[in-house]
Amino acid sequence: MAFFLSRTNIGSRLHSHFQGTQNDALSLSRRQFHIEPGPREQALLAEDPSLRKYKSHKKTVRRLKRVGDVLTIVVVAGCCYEIYVKTLLREEAWKAKAAGEGAS
């Protein structure tokens, strides 16, 4: 398809159109990694002393995440166990019904 686009007038128009959109104001306003943030961005990223009391401590957050992970594993394991038990009960009931009909 690249060969087709390079050989036609439409291909050259599309190619120039896509090159032109790369130089518009929106793509120029995007910051790259090598550009330092300006003074406004630095002021926004600076630590605010009035918010320090709301900052969580790393050990507490890590412990809370572990508790959440353990609870999630327990709930998933419980659900799997319930599905397993219901499947076994249904299979036993089906076998008992089939054995009862076969004896008749």
PDB file of N, CA and C in Angstrom:
ATOM      1  N   MET A   1       0.822  -1.183   0.000  1.00  0.00           N
ATOM      2  CA  MET A   1       0.000   0.000   0.000  1.00  0.00           C
ATOM      3  C   MET A   1       0.867   1.248   0.000  1.00  0.00           C
ATOM      4  N   ALA A   2       2.032   1.190   0.632  1.00  0.00           N
ATOM      5  CA  ALA A   2       2.939   2.330   0.626  1.00  0.00           C
ATOM      6  C   ALA A   2       3.411   2.616  -0.791  1.00  0.00           C
ATOM      7  N   PHE A   3       3.623   1.558  -1.580  1.00  0.00           N
ATOM      8  CA  PHE A   3       4.021   1.742  -2.966  1.00  0.00           C
ATOM      9  C   PHE A   3       2.923   2.458  -3.737  1.00  0.00           C
ATOM     10  N   PHE A   4       1.667   2.049  -3.513  1.00  0.00           N
ATOM     11  CA  PHE A   4       0.539   2.662  -4.192  1.00  0.00           C
ATOM     12  C   PHE A   4       0.416   4.139  -3.816  1.00  0.00           C
ATOM     13  N   LEU A   5       0.569   4.431  -2.530  1.00  0.00           N
ATOM     14  CA  LEU A   5       0.435   5.821  -2.091  1.00  0.00           C
ATOM     15  C   LEU A   5       1.578   6.688  -2.596  1.00  0.00           C
ATOM     16  N   SER A   6       2.753   6.132  -2.749  1.00  0.00           N
ATOM     17  CA  SER A   6       3.878   6.933  -3.212  1.00  0.00           C
ATOM     18  C   SER A   6       3.781   7.218  -4.707  1.00  0.00           C
ATOM     19  N   ARG A   7       3.024   6.419  -5.455  1.00  0.00           N
ATOM     20  CA  ARG A   7       2.933   6.573  -6.905  1.00  0.00           C
ATOM     21  C   ARG A   7       1.747   7.431  -7.358  1.00  0.00           C
ATOM     22  N   THR A   8       0.880   7.786  -6.487  1.00  0.00           N
ATOM     23  CA  THR A   8      -0.301   8.514  -6.929  1.00  0.00           C
ATOM     24  C   THR A   8      -0.301   9.929  -6.398  1.00  0.00           C
ATOM     25  N   ASN A   9      -1.116  10.732  -7.036  1.00  0.00           N
ATOM     26  CA  ASN A   9      -1.284  12.111  -6.616  1.00  0.00           C
ATOM     27  C   ASN A   9      -1.973  12.162  -5.250  1.00  0.00           C
ATOM     28  N   ILE A  10      -2.919  11.236  -5.028  1.00  0.00           N
ATOM     29  CA  ILE A  10      -3.620  11.178  -3.744  1.00  0.00           C
ATOM     30  C   ILE A  10      -2.630  10.857  -2.627  1.00  0.00           C
ATOM     31  N   GLY A  11      -1.706   9.950  -2.926  1.00  0.00           N
ATOM     32  CA  GLY A  11      -0.713   9.580  -1.924  1.00  0.00           C
ATOM     33  C   GLY A  11       0.150  10.765  -1.520  1.00  0.00           C
ATOM     34  N   SER A  12       0.547  11.568  -2.495  1.00  0.00           N
ATOM     35  CA  SER A  12       1.380  12.720  -2.154  1.00  0.00           C
ATOM     36  C   SER A  12       0.586  13.755  -1.369  1.00  0.00           C
ATOM     37  N   ARG A  13      -0.706  13.889  -1.677  1.00  0.00           N
ATOM     38  CA  ARG A  13      -1.540  14.829  -0.919  1.00  0.00           C
ATOM     39  C   ARG A  13      -1.717  14.353   0.525  1.00  0.00           C
ATOM     40  N   LEU A  14      -1.977  13.042   0.690  1.00  0.00           N
ATOM     41  CA  LEU A  14      -2.134  12.502   2.039  1.00  0.00           C
ATOM     42  C   LEU A  14      -0.844  12.635   2.832  1.00  0.00           C
ATOM     43  N   HIS A  15       0.270  12.365   2.163  1.00  0.00           N
ATOM     44  CA  HIS A  15       1.548  12.452   2.844  1.00  0.00           C
ATOM     45  C   HIS A  15       1.818  13.886   3.310  1.00  0.00           C
ATOM     46  N   SER A  16       1.557  14.855   2.442  1.00  0.00           N
ATOM     47  CA  SER A  16       1.785  16.248   2.835  1.00  0.00           C
ATOM     48  C   SER A  16       0.781  16.682   3.901  1.00  0.00           C
ATOM     49  N   HIS A  17      -0.444  16.125   3.856  1.00  0.00           N
ATOM     50  CA  HIS A  17      -1.445  16.470   4.866  1.00  0.00           C
ATOM     51  C   HIS A  17      -1.022  15.967   6.240  1.00  0.00           C
ATOM     52  N   PHE A  18      -0.519  14.725   6.304  1.00  0.00           N
ATOM     53  CA  PHE A  18      -0.098  14.172   7.579  1.00  0.00           C
ATOM     54  C   PHE A  18       1.147  14.884   8.103  1.00  0.00           C
ATOM     55  N   GLN A  19       2.035  15.313   7.225  1.00  0.00           N
ATOM     56  CA  GLN A  19       3.208  16.065   7.663  1.00  0.00           C
ATOM     57  C   GLN A  19       2.799  17.433   8.190  1.00  0.00           C
ATOM     58  N   GLY A  20       1.778  18.024   7.606  1.00  0.00           N
ATOM     59  CA  GLY A  20       1.328  19.341   8.031  1.00  0.00           C
ATOM     60  C   GLY A  20       0.670  19.311   9.397  1.00  0.00           C
ATOM     61  N   THR A  21      -0.002  18.206   9.728  1.00  0.00           N
ATOM     62  CA  THR A  21      -0.675  18.134  11.027  1.00  0.00           C
ATOM     63  C   THR A  21       0.322  17.949  12.153  1.00  0.00           C
ATOM     64  N   GLN A  22       1.523  17.501  11.855  1.00  0.00           N
ATOM     65  CA  GLN A  22       2.513  17.318  12.903  1.00  0.00           C
ATOM     66  C   GLN A  22       3.080  18.651  13.369  1.00  0.00           C
ATOM     67  N   ASN A  23       2.932  19.690  12.612  1.00  0.00           N
ATOM     68  CA  ASN A  23       3.501  20.979  12.972  1.00  0.00           C
ATOM     69  C   ASN A  23       2.451  21.958  13.477  1.00  0.00           C
ATOM     70  N   ASP A  24       1.260  21.501  13.789  1.00  0.00           N
ATOM     71  CA  ASP A  24       0.235  22.429  14.257  1.00  0.00           C
ATOM     72  C   ASP A  24       0.486  22.818  15.714  1.00  0.00           C
ATOM     73  N   ALA A  25      -0.298  23.743  16.224  1.00  0.00           N
ATOM     74  CA  ALA A  25      -0.082  24.302  17.559  1.00  0.00           C
ATOM     75  C   ALA A  25      -0.289  23.262  18.654  1.00  0.00           C
ATOM     76  N   LEU A  26      -1.205  22.326  18.446  1.00  0.00           N
ATOM     77  CA  LEU A  26      -1.473  21.319  19.470  1.00  0.00           C
ATOM     78  C   LEU A  26      -0.275  20.415  19.691  1.00  0.00           C
ATOM     79  N   SER A  27       0.323  19.949  18.619  1.00  0.00           N
ATOM     80  CA  SER A  27       1.471  19.064  18.787  1.00  0.00           C
ATOM     81  C   SER A  27       2.697  19.833  19.268  1.00  0.00           C
ATOM     82  N   LEU A  28       2.789  21.121  18.971  1.00  0.00           N
ATOM     83  CA  LEU A  28       3.915  21.910  19.459  1.00  0.00           C
ATOM     84  C   LEU A  28       3.777  22.221  20.948  1.00  0.00           C
ATOM     85  N   SER A  29       2.538  22.274  21.447  1.00  0.00           N
ATOM     86  CA  SER A  29       2.345  22.618  22.847  1.00  0.00           C
ATOM     87  C   SER A  29       2.619  21.446  23.782  1.00  0.00           C
ATOM     88  N   ARG A  30       2.691  20.246  23.258  1.00  0.00           N
ATOM     89  CA  ARG A  30       2.983  19.077  24.085  1.00  0.00           C
ATOM     90  C   ARG A  30       4.440  19.125  24.524  1.00  0.00           C
ATOM     91  N   ARG A  31       4.649  18.905  25.811  1.00  0.00           N
ATOM     92  CA  ARG A  31       6.013  18.936  26.339  1.00  0.00           C
ATOM     93  C   ARG A  31       6.694  17.591  26.104  1.00  0.00           C
ATOM     94  N   GLN A  32       7.945  17.651  25.790  1.00  0.00           N
ATOM     95  CA  GLN A  32       8.749  16.457  25.655  1.00  0.00           C
ATOM     96  C   GLN A  32       9.487  16.231  26.971  1.00  0.00           C
ATOM     97  N   PHE A  33      10.132  15.101  27.124  1.00  0.00           N
ATOM     98  CA  PHE A  33      10.800  14.773  28.368  1.00  0.00           C
ATOM     99  C   PHE A  33      12.019  15.654  28.635  1.00  0.00           C
ATOM    100  N   HIS A  34      12.647  16.151  27.600  1.00  0.00           N
ATOM    101  CA  HIS A  34      13.874  16.914  27.798  1.00  0.00           C
ATOM    102  C   HIS A  34      13.620  18.383  28.132  1.00  0.00           C
ATOM    103  N   ILE A  35      12.387  18.835  28.123  1.00  0.00           N
ATOM    104  CA  ILE A  35      12.059  20.226  28.416  1.00  0.00           C
ATOM    105  C   ILE A  35      11.748  20.353  29.909  1.00  0.00           C
ATOM    106  N   GLU A  36      12.401  21.285  30.550  1.00  0.00           N
ATOM    107  CA  GLU A  36      12.158  21.524  31.976  1.00  0.00           C
ATOM    108  C   GLU A  36      10.802  22.185  32.164  1.00  0.00           C
ATOM    109  N   PRO A  37      10.088  21.863  33.253  1.00  0.00           N
ATOM    110  CA  PRO A  37       8.814  22.533  33.504  1.00  0.00           C
ATOM    111  C   PRO A  37       9.036  24.007  33.822  1.00  0.00           C
ATOM    112  N   GLY A  38       8.071  24.805  33.449  1.00  0.00           N
ATOM    113  CA  GLY A  38       8.165  26.237  33.676  1.00  0.00           C
ATOM    114  C   GLY A  38       7.909  26.591  35.132  1.00  0.00           C
ATOM    115  N   PRO A  39       7.949  27.871  35.453  1.00  0.00           N
ATOM    116  CA  PRO A  39       7.751  28.279  36.851  1.00  0.00           C
ATOM    117  C   PRO A  39       6.354  27.958  37.379  1.00  0.00           C
ATOM    118  N   ARG A  40       5.346  28.013  36.508  1.00  0.00           N
ATOM    119  CA  ARG A  40       3.984  27.696  36.946  1.00  0.00           C
ATOM    120  C   ARG A  40       3.868  26.218  37.307  1.00  0.00           C
ATOM    121  N   GLU A  41       4.435  25.354  36.461  1.00  0.00           N
ATOM    122  CA  GLU A  41       4.396  23.920  36.731  1.00  0.00           C
ATOM    123  C   GLU A  41       5.187  23.582  37.988  1.00  0.00           C
ATOM    124  N   GLN A  42       6.326  24.255  38.179  1.00  0.00           N
ATOM    125  CA  GLN A  42       7.115  24.001  39.373  1.00  0.00           C
ATOM    126  C   GLN A  42       6.372  24.437  40.626  1.00  0.00           C
ATOM    127  N   ALA A  43       5.632  25.548  40.535  1.00  0.00           N
ATOM    128  CA  ALA A  43       4.848  26.004  41.680  1.00  0.00           C
ATOM    129  C   ALA A  43       3.722  25.025  41.988  1.00  0.00           C
ATOM    130  N   LEU A  44       3.124  24.450  40.951  1.00  0.00           N
ATOM    131  CA  LEU A  44       2.050  23.483  41.165  1.00  0.00           C
ATOM    132  C   LEU A  44       2.574  22.168  41.743  1.00  0.00           C
ATOM    133  N   LEU A  45       3.786  21.802  41.375  1.00  0.00           N
ATOM    134  CA  LEU A  45       4.370  20.542  41.846  1.00  0.00           C
ATOM    135  C   LEU A  45       5.058  20.678  43.198  1.00  0.00           C
ATOM    136  N   ALA A  46       5.233  21.888  43.674  1.00  0.00           N
ATOM    137  CA  ALA A  46       5.904  22.097  44.957  1.00  0.00           C
ATOM    138  C   ALA A  46       5.040  21.568  46.096  1.00  0.00           C
ATOM    139  N   GLU A  47       5.710  21.161  47.188  1.00  0.00           N
ATOM    140  CA  GLU A  47       4.984  20.627  48.341  1.00  0.00           C
ATOM    141  C   GLU A  47       4.279  21.760  49.076  1.00  0.00           C
ATOM    142  N   ASP A  48       3.025  21.515  49.392  1.00  0.00           N
ATOM    143  CA  ASP A  48       2.216  22.507  50.097  1.00  0.00           C
ATOM    144  C   ASP A  48       2.193  22.155  51.578  1.00  0.00           C
ATOM    145  N   PRO A  49       2.699  23.034  52.462  1.00  0.00           N
ATOM    146  CA  PRO A  49       2.745  22.693  53.889  1.00  0.00           C
ATOM    147  C   PRO A  49       1.365  22.534  54.516  1.00  0.00           C
ATOM    148  N   SER A  50       0.357  23.185  53.981  1.00  0.00           N
ATOM    149  CA  SER A  50      -0.977  23.062  54.568  1.00  0.00           C
ATOM    150  C   SER A  50      -1.598  21.692  54.301  1.00  0.00           C
ATOM    151  N   LEU A  51      -1.094  20.979  53.303  1.00  0.00           N
ATOM    152  CA  LEU A  51      -1.625  19.654  52.981  1.00  0.00           C
ATOM    153  C   LEU A  51      -0.814  18.530  53.617  1.00  0.00           C
ATOM    154  N   ARG A  52       0.213  18.861  54.372  1.00  0.00           N
ATOM    155  CA  ARG A  52       1.093  17.850  54.942  1.00  0.00           C
ATOM    156  C   ARG A  52       0.357  16.927  55.907  1.00  0.00           C
ATOM    157  N   LYS A  53      -0.613  17.455  56.653  1.00  0.00           N
ATOM    158  CA  LYS A  53      -1.314  16.610  57.624  1.00  0.00           C
ATOM    159  C   LYS A  53      -2.200  15.562  56.949  1.00  0.00           C
ATOM    160  N   TYR A  54      -2.543  15.761  55.670  1.00  0.00           N
ATOM    161  CA  TYR A  54      -3.366  14.789  54.952  1.00  0.00           C
ATOM    162  C   TYR A  54      -2.535  13.758  54.212  1.00  0.00           C
ATOM    163  N   LYS A  55      -1.234  13.936  54.202  1.00  0.00           N
ATOM    164  CA  LYS A  55      -0.370  13.017  53.472  1.00  0.00           C
ATOM    165  C   LYS A  55      -0.283  11.695  54.223  1.00  0.00           C
ATOM    166  N   SER A  56      -0.461  10.613  53.521  1.00  0.00           N
ATOM    167  CA  SER A  56      -0.426   9.296  54.158  1.00  0.00           C
ATOM    168  C   SER A  56       1.016   8.834  54.311  1.00  0.00           C
ATOM    169  N   HIS A  57       1.229   7.995  55.274  1.00  0.00           N
ATOM    170  CA  HIS A  57       2.555   7.453  55.521  1.00  0.00           C
ATOM    171  C   HIS A  57       2.731   6.184  54.706  1.00  0.00           C
ATOM    172  N   LYS A  58       3.928   5.973  54.219  1.00  0.00           N
ATOM    173  CA  LYS A  58       4.168   4.856  53.315  1.00  0.00           C
ATOM    174  C   LYS A  58       3.922   3.503  53.976  1.00  0.00           C
ATOM    175  N   LYS A  59       4.333   3.326  55.217  1.00  0.00           N
ATOM    176  CA  LYS A  59       4.141   2.031  55.871  1.00  0.00           C
ATOM    177  C   LYS A  59       2.665   1.731  56.068  1.00  0.00           C
ATOM    178  N   THR A  60       1.901   2.746  56.422  1.00  0.00           N
ATOM    179  CA  THR A  60       0.465   2.550  56.628  1.00  0.00           C
ATOM    180  C   THR A  60      -0.219   2.197  55.315  1.00  0.00           C
ATOM    181  N   VAL A  61       0.148   2.893  54.271  1.00  0.00           N
ATOM    182  CA  VAL A  61      -0.455   2.625  52.960  1.00  0.00           C
ATOM    183  C   VAL A  61      -0.087   1.229  52.480  1.00  0.00           C
ATOM    184  N   ARG A  62       1.155   0.838  52.668  1.00  0.00           N
ATOM    185  CA  ARG A  62       1.598  -0.496  52.250  1.00  0.00           C
ATOM    186  C   ARG A  62       0.842  -1.576  53.022  1.00  0.00           C
ATOM    187  N   ARG A  63       0.664  -1.366  54.319  1.00  0.00           N
ATOM    188  CA  ARG A  63      -0.064  -2.339  55.143  1.00  0.00           C
ATOM    189  C   ARG A  63      -1.523  -2.425  54.705  1.00  0.00           C
ATOM    190  N   LEU A  64      -2.120  -1.281  54.426  1.00  0.00           N
ATOM    191  CA  LEU A  64      -3.515  -1.263  53.988  1.00  0.00           C
ATOM    192  C   LEU A  64      -3.685  -1.963  52.639  1.00  0.00           C
ATOM    193  N   LYS A  65      -2.722  -1.781  51.743  1.00  0.00           N
ATOM    194  CA  LYS A  65      -2.775  -2.473  50.455  1.00  0.00           C
ATOM    195  C   LYS A  65      -2.672  -3.983  50.642  1.00  0.00           C
ATOM    196  N   ARG A  66      -1.799  -4.414  51.554  1.00  0.00           N
ATOM    197  CA  ARG A  66      -1.671  -5.848  51.813  1.00  0.00           C
ATOM    198  C   ARG A  66      -2.962  -6.428  52.369  1.00  0.00           C
ATOM    199  N   VAL A  67      -3.584  -5.706  53.293  1.00  0.00           N
ATOM    200  CA  VAL A  67      -4.854  -6.177  53.855  1.00  0.00           C
ATOM    201  C   VAL A  67      -5.902  -6.282  52.762  1.00  0.00           C
ATOM    202  N   GLY A  68      -5.950  -5.290  51.889  1.00  0.00           N
ATOM    203  CA  GLY A  68      -6.895  -5.330  50.771  1.00  0.00           C
ATOM    204  C   GLY A  68      -6.629  -6.491  49.839  1.00  0.00           C
ATOM    205  N   ASP A  69      -5.344  -6.761  49.567  1.00  0.00           N
ATOM    206  CA  ASP A  69      -4.994  -7.897  48.707  1.00  0.00           C
ATOM    207  C   ASP A  69      -5.393  -9.221  49.350  1.00  0.00           C
ATOM    208  N   VAL A  70      -5.143  -9.352  50.641  1.00  0.00           N
ATOM    209  CA  VAL A  70      -5.503 -10.586  51.344  1.00  0.00           C
ATOM    210  C   VAL A  70      -7.020 -10.773  51.344  1.00  0.00           C
ATOM    211  N   LEU A  71      -7.752  -9.707  51.611  1.00  0.00           N
ATOM    212  CA  LEU A  71      -9.221  -9.804  51.587  1.00  0.00           C
ATOM    213  C   LEU A  71      -9.729 -10.183  50.202  1.00  0.00           C
ATOM    214  N   THR A  72      -9.132  -9.629  49.179  1.00  0.00           N
ATOM    215  CA  THR A  72      -9.534  -9.975  47.812  1.00  0.00           C
ATOM    216  C   THR A  72      -9.291 -11.444  47.533  1.00  0.00           C
ATOM    217  N   ILE A  73      -8.134 -11.955  47.941  1.00  0.00           N
ATOM    218  CA  ILE A  73      -7.823 -13.374  47.726  1.00  0.00           C
ATOM    219  C   ILE A  73      -8.789 -14.256  48.501  1.00  0.00           C
ATOM    220  N   VAL A  74      -9.117 -13.876  49.734  1.00  0.00           N
ATOM    221  CA  VAL A  74     -10.052 -14.663  50.542  1.00  0.00           C
ATOM    222  C   VAL A  74     -11.434 -14.698  49.895  1.00  0.00           C
ATOM    223  N   VAL A  75     -11.902 -13.562  49.406  1.00  0.00           N
ATOM    224  CA  VAL A  75     -13.226 -13.509  48.782  1.00  0.00           C
ATOM    225  C   VAL A  75     -13.250 -14.341  47.506  1.00  0.00           C
ATOM    226  N   VAL A  76     -12.215 -14.228  46.678  1.00  0.00           N
ATOM    227  CA  VAL A  76     -12.165 -15.011  45.436  1.00  0.00           C
ATOM    228  C   VAL A  76     -12.093 -16.497  45.749  1.00  0.00           C
ATOM    229  N   ALA A  77     -11.299 -16.876  46.740  1.00  0.00           N
ATOM    230  CA  ALA A  77     -11.206 -18.289  47.119  1.00  0.00           C
ATOM    231  C   ALA A  77     -12.549 -18.799  47.643  1.00  0.00           C
ATOM    232  N   GLY A  78     -13.243 -17.978  48.433  1.00  0.00           N
ATOM    233  CA  GLY A  78     -14.561 -18.365  48.928  1.00  0.00           C
ATOM    234  C   GLY A  78     -15.560 -18.562  47.803  1.00  0.00           C
ATOM    235  N   CYS A  79     -15.527 -17.682  46.833  1.00  0.00           N
ATOM    236  CA  CYS A  79     -16.433 -17.817  45.685  1.00  0.00           C
ATOM    237  C   CYS A  79     -16.132 -19.088  44.890  1.00  0.00           C
ATOM    238  N   CYS A  80     -14.845 -19.363  44.682  1.00  0.00           N
ATOM    239  CA  CYS A  80     -14.471 -20.581  43.961  1.00  0.00           C
ATOM    240  C   CYS A  80     -14.909 -21.826  44.727  1.00  0.00           C
ATOM    241  N   TYR A  81     -14.756 -21.795  46.039  1.00  0.00           N
ATOM    242  CA  TYR A  81     -15.178 -22.924  46.860  1.00  0.00           C
ATOM    243  C   TYR A  81     -16.683 -23.125  46.776  1.00  0.00           C
ATOM    244  N   GLU A  82     -17.451 -22.049  46.843  1.00  0.00           N
ATOM    245  CA  GLU A  82     -18.907 -22.156  46.738  1.00  0.00           C
ATOM    246  C   GLU A  82     -19.323 -22.728  45.385  1.00  0.00           C
ATOM    247  N   ILE A  83     -18.675 -22.281  44.324  1.00  0.00           N
ATOM    248  CA  ILE A  83     -18.983 -22.812  42.990  1.00  0.00           C
ATOM    249  C   ILE A  83     -18.662 -24.300  42.936  1.00  0.00           C
ATOM    250  N   TYR A  84     -17.520 -24.699  43.517  1.00  0.00           N
ATOM    251  CA  TYR A  84     -17.121 -26.099  43.539  1.00  0.00           C
ATOM    252  C   TYR A  84     -18.131 -26.950  44.304  1.00  0.00           C
ATOM    253  N   VAL A  85     -18.566 -26.498  45.478  1.00  0.00           N
ATOM    254  CA  VAL A  85     -19.521 -27.254  46.288  1.00  0.00           C
ATOM    255  C   VAL A  85     -20.855 -27.374  45.570  1.00  0.00           C
ATOM    256  N   LYS A  86     -21.340 -26.290  44.982  1.00  0.00           N
ATOM    257  CA  LYS A  86     -22.622 -26.344  44.269  1.00  0.00           C
ATOM    258  C   LYS A  86     -22.541 -27.287  43.077  1.00  0.00           C
ATOM    259  N   THR A  87     -21.406 -27.294  42.398  1.00  0.00           N
ATOM    260  CA  THR A  87     -21.238 -28.197  41.261  1.00  0.00           C
ATOM    261  C   THR A  87     -21.256 -29.650  41.721  1.00  0.00           C
ATOM    262  N   LEU A  88     -20.566 -29.944  42.826  1.00  0.00           N
ATOM    263  CA  LEU A  88     -20.572 -31.314  43.350  1.00  0.00           C
ATOM    264  C   LEU A  88     -21.973 -31.744  43.781  1.00  0.00           C
ATOM    265  N   LEU A  89     -22.683 -30.871  44.470  1.00  0.00           N
ATOM    266  CA  LEU A  89     -24.042 -31.206  44.908  1.00  0.00           C
ATOM    267  C   LEU A  89     -24.962 -31.440  43.718  1.00  0.00           C
ATOM    268  N   ARG A  90     -24.839 -30.624  42.696  1.00  0.00           N
ATOM    269  CA  ARG A  90     -25.677 -30.782  41.507  1.00  0.00           C
ATOM    270  C   ARG A  90     -25.343 -32.088  40.790  1.00  0.00           C
ATOM    271  N   GLU A  91     -24.049 -32.416  40.732  1.00  0.00           N
ATOM    272  CA  GLU A  91     -23.643 -33.655  40.072  1.00  0.00           C
ATOM    273  C   GLU A  91     -24.139 -34.873  40.856  1.00  0.00           C
ATOM    274  N   GLU A  92     -24.048 -34.822  42.170  1.00  0.00           N
ATOM    275  CA  GLU A  92     -24.549 -35.933  42.994  1.00  0.00           C
ATOM    276  C   GLU A  92     -26.054 -36.085  42.843  1.00  0.00           C
ATOM    277  N   ALA A  93     -26.772 -34.970  42.807  1.00  0.00           N
ATOM    278  CA  ALA A  93     -28.219 -35.035  42.621  1.00  0.00           C
ATOM    279  C   ALA A  93     -28.559 -35.612  41.253  1.00  0.00           C
ATOM    280  N   TRP A  94     -27.778 -35.238  40.248  1.00  0.00           N
ATOM    281  CA  TRP A  94     -28.022 -35.751  38.900  1.00  0.00           C
ATOM    282  C   TRP A  94     -27.757 -37.252  38.840  1.00  0.00           C
ATOM    283  N   LYS A  95     -26.674 -37.706  39.500  1.00  0.00           N
ATOM    284  CA  LYS A  95     -26.364 -39.145  39.521  1.00  0.00           C
ATOM    285  C   LYS A  95     -27.424 -39.916  40.295  1.00  0.00           C
ATOM    286  N   ALA A  96     -27.904 -39.345  41.407  1.00  0.00           N
ATOM    287  CA  ALA A  96     -28.938 -40.018  42.192  1.00  0.00           C
ATOM    288  C   ALA A  96     -30.224 -40.116  41.392  1.00  0.00           C
ATOM    289  N   LYS A  97     -30.547 -39.066  40.659  1.00  0.00           N
ATOM    290  CA  LYS A  97     -31.766 -39.088  39.833  1.00  0.00           C
ATOM    291  C   LYS A  97     -31.624 -40.113  38.722  1.00  0.00           C
ATOM    292  N   ALA A  98     -30.441 -40.175  38.091  1.00  0.00           N
ATOM    293  CA  ALA A  98     -30.211 -41.133  37.016  1.00  0.00           C
ATOM    294  C   ALA A  98     -30.226 -42.560  37.552  1.00  0.00           C
ATOM    295  N   ALA A  99     -29.699 -42.787  38.753  1.00  0.00           N
ATOM    296  CA  ALA A  99     -29.711 -44.126  39.354  1.00  0.00           C
ATOM    297  C   ALA A  99     -31.122 -44.538  39.749  1.00  0.00           C
ATOM    298  N   GLY A 100     -31.924 -43.582  40.212  1.00  0.00           N
ATOM    299  CA  GLY A 100     -33.303 -43.866  40.578  1.00  0.00           C
ATOM    300  C   GLY A 100     -34.159 -44.198  39.374  1.00  0.00           C
ATOM    301  N   GLU A 101     -33.937 -43.557  38.259  1.00  0.00           N
ATOM    302  CA  GLU A 101     -34.698 -43.848  37.038  1.00  0.00           C
ATOM    303  C   GLU A 101     -34.267 -45.156  36.418  1.00  0.00           C
ATOM    304  N   GLY A 102     -32.965 -45.486  36.546  1.00  0.00           N
ATOM    305  CA  GLY A 102     -32.453 -46.736  35.966  1.00  0.00           C
ATOM    306  C   GLY A 102     -32.960 -47.954  36.718  1.00  0.00           C
ATOM    307  N   ALA A 103     -33.233 -47.837  38.002  1.00  0.00           N
ATOM    308  CA  ALA A 103     -33.699 -48.970  38.813  1.00  0.00           C
ATOM    309  C   ALA A 103     -35.178 -49.241  38.559  1.00  0.00           C
ATOM    310  N   SER A 104     -35.924 -48.264  38.102  1.00  0.00           N
ATOM    311  CA  SER A 104     -37.370 -48.429  37.916  1.00  0.00           C
ATOM    312  C   SER A 104     -37.717 -49.306  36.764  1.00  0.00           C
TER     313      SER A 104
END
